[in-house]
């Protein structure tokens, strides 16, 4: 009877429940539980399994860099200009439901991509879909899409994630076609689906990165409206990491 029930649960695509039921049958302590208690444990096992699988799918699709970036491991050393209170206030991801953008600026190596990915990780854990793109590469893909007919599909795909992360914003000046692509992208998501931007340029310099000043006004007006800003400072964390690794290799402390 137990084996047959387990088989039916697997066929019904309830594998975690089937495994939990088999485990209950092997534990004599389970006999002391009521029917409702045992059923609740089975349902809980299936729910937790599905939740974990969904999180793994969301994290894989997000393409975060690094994939294990998380808010709990952020470095709040003085000099980084990273306020823990602000991070904590945003960790519940209510900013996603409100459609607020996150703008992260700082010099190379100050942890912009990590912070953006950490917020992406938090969003995935709250059940939101996330996708990270390097903006220079994405703009090239859009340009190619104009020629091979995939342009509209790419724009459509960029609407789908609940949170879109654009890394290396303004790394190179935006040509006229790029300006129009950015306007389309930002307009599609404005007010409903937030964007996280990581940029080496400080926000006041973003306007000068656009070849078309009129489009720059339109894009920045939508990005900056009700946005939360992080302006990271301090030395490169990559250099610090390399120094620590070198010390470990040399055997010194």
Foldseek 3Di string as FASTA:
>chain_A
DLVVVLVVCVVVVQNQLSVLSVVLVVDPVNVVDDPVVSVVVSVVRSVVVVLVVQLVVQLVQAPAVVSPQAPVPDDPDPFFQDDPVVVVVCLVVVCLAQQAAEEEEAAPQSCQSSVVSNSSSSCSNVVFHHYEDALVVLLVVLVVCVVPVCNVVSLVVLLPGLEYEYEAQLVAAQEPSSLVVLLSNLVSSFRNRYYYYYYHDDPVCNCVSYPDNVSSVNNVVRNVVNYHYGYTGDDRPVVVVVVVVVCVVVVHD
